[in-house]
Protein backbone atom coordinates (compact mmCIF):
# COMPACT_ATOMS: atom_id res chain seq x y z
CA MET A 1 187.01 -20.67 103.89
CA GLY A 2 190.16 -20.82 105.90
CA TYR A 3 192.60 -22.97 108.07
CA TYR A 4 191.33 -24.14 111.31
CA THR A 5 193.69 -24.79 114.25
CA THR A 6 193.29 -25.83 117.84
CA TYR A 7 195.25 -23.77 120.34
CA ASP A 8 196.42 -24.46 123.89
CA ILE A 9 197.85 -21.60 125.68
CA SER A 10 199.88 -21.70 128.94
CA ALA A 11 200.87 -18.61 130.73
CA ASN A 12 201.54 -18.02 134.47
CA SER A 13 198.70 -15.54 135.00
CA THR A 14 195.06 -14.89 133.86
CA GLU A 15 196.26 -11.41 133.01
CA ILE A 16 198.46 -12.79 130.15
CA GLN A 17 195.55 -15.03 128.96
CA ASP A 18 193.16 -11.89 129.14
CA ALA A 19 195.76 -9.98 127.04
CA ILE A 20 195.94 -12.75 124.50
CA GLU A 21 192.15 -13.05 124.29
CA LYS A 22 191.95 -9.29 123.83
CA LYS A 23 194.56 -9.04 121.20
CA SER A 24 193.44 -12.06 119.23
CA GLU A 25 189.70 -11.37 119.69
CA TYR A 26 189.05 -15.07 120.51
CA SER A 27 187.91 -16.64 123.73
CA PHE A 28 190.06 -19.29 125.27
CA TYR A 29 188.53 -21.39 127.93
CA GLY A 30 191.13 -22.49 130.32
CA GLY A 31 193.80 -21.47 127.65
CA PHE A 32 192.19 -23.74 124.99
CA ALA A 33 190.41 -22.75 121.67
CA SER A 34 189.26 -25.37 119.08
CA ASP A 35 188.83 -24.85 115.40
CA VAL A 36 190.05 -21.14 115.22
CA LYS A 37 191.11 -19.06 112.22
CA TRP A 38 193.77 -17.13 114.00
CA TYR A 39 196.08 -16.06 111.38
CA ASP A 40 198.14 -13.52 113.46
CA TRP A 41 198.74 -15.75 116.44
CA ARG A 42 202.63 -15.39 116.24
CA THR A 43 202.48 -11.70 115.99
CA ASP A 44 199.75 -11.35 118.73
CA CYS A 45 201.64 -13.58 121.07
CA SER A 46 204.86 -11.80 120.51
CA ASP A 47 203.38 -8.35 121.13
CA VAL A 48 201.65 -9.61 124.45
CA SER A 49 204.86 -11.26 125.50
CA LEU A 50 206.63 -7.77 125.21
CA ARG A 51 204.13 -6.47 127.89
CA PHE A 52 205.08 -9.31 130.21
CA PRO A 53 208.95 -9.64 129.31
CA ASP A 54 209.97 -11.88 132.18
CA GLU A 55 207.11 -14.41 131.47
CA LEU A 56 207.29 -17.46 129.22
CA ILE A 57 204.10 -18.05 127.19
CA ILE A 58 203.59 -21.51 125.52
CA VAL A 59 201.30 -21.97 122.55
CA GLU A 60 200.52 -25.44 121.21
CA GLY A 61 198.86 -25.80 117.87
CA ASP A 62 197.14 -28.67 116.07
CA GLY A 63 196.22 -27.70 112.61
CA GLU A 64 193.61 -29.33 110.29
CA GLU A 65 196.19 -31.24 108.35
CA GLN A 66 197.44 -34.33 110.00
CA SER A 67 201.13 -33.36 110.16
CA ASP A 68 200.51 -29.84 111.49
CA GLN A 69 201.40 -29.83 115.21
CA TRP A 70 203.69 -27.51 116.82
CA LYS A 71 204.80 -25.87 119.98
CA ALA A 72 205.66 -22.21 120.03
CA TYR A 73 207.63 -20.22 123.08
CA PHE A 74 207.34 -16.56 123.52
CA LYS A 75 209.42 -14.34 125.80
CA ASN A 76 209.95 -10.57 125.58
CA GLY A 77 208.80 -10.28 122.28
CA LYS A 78 210.94 -13.20 120.76
CA SER A 79 209.66 -16.72 119.70
CA GLN A 80 210.79 -20.21 119.16
CA ILE A 81 208.58 -22.36 116.98
CA CYS A 82 209.12 -26.02 117.20
CA LYS A 83 207.37 -28.52 114.68
CA ALA A 84 206.41 -31.92 115.91
CA ILE A 85 208.73 -34.82 114.59
CA VAL A 86 206.89 -38.14 114.36
CA THR A 87 208.96 -41.15 114.36
CA PHE A 88 208.30 -44.79 114.14
CA GLU A 89 210.17 -47.78 115.43
CA PRO A 90 212.19 -49.72 113.09
CA PHE A 91 210.77 -53.08 111.85
CA ASP A 92 211.54 -55.89 114.37
CA GLU A 93 210.43 -59.50 113.13
CA SER A 94 210.41 -60.82 116.78
CA LYS A 95 207.49 -58.34 117.35
CA LEU A 96 205.30 -59.90 114.98
CA LYS A 97 202.30 -61.77 116.36
């Protein structure tokens, strides 16, 4: 058993996409892979970004738990992870129908 995540990878070249596929041992179709157990995604993408230090790699993840959505940015071996923030409008009685 494991934790499934859907990944969407954006990179400026197919060479970067290919390097991520090779490192992760997963196939991404158009940068997209659904229901994957890729536990080392952060390390793998950081390693690949070192090979392409001037390129920005963006990885979006949607985990199997409802609130597990995030976006990660990789450049020159460094990363920034941003978790999704869900907000709701405040109650407005005038909008009741």
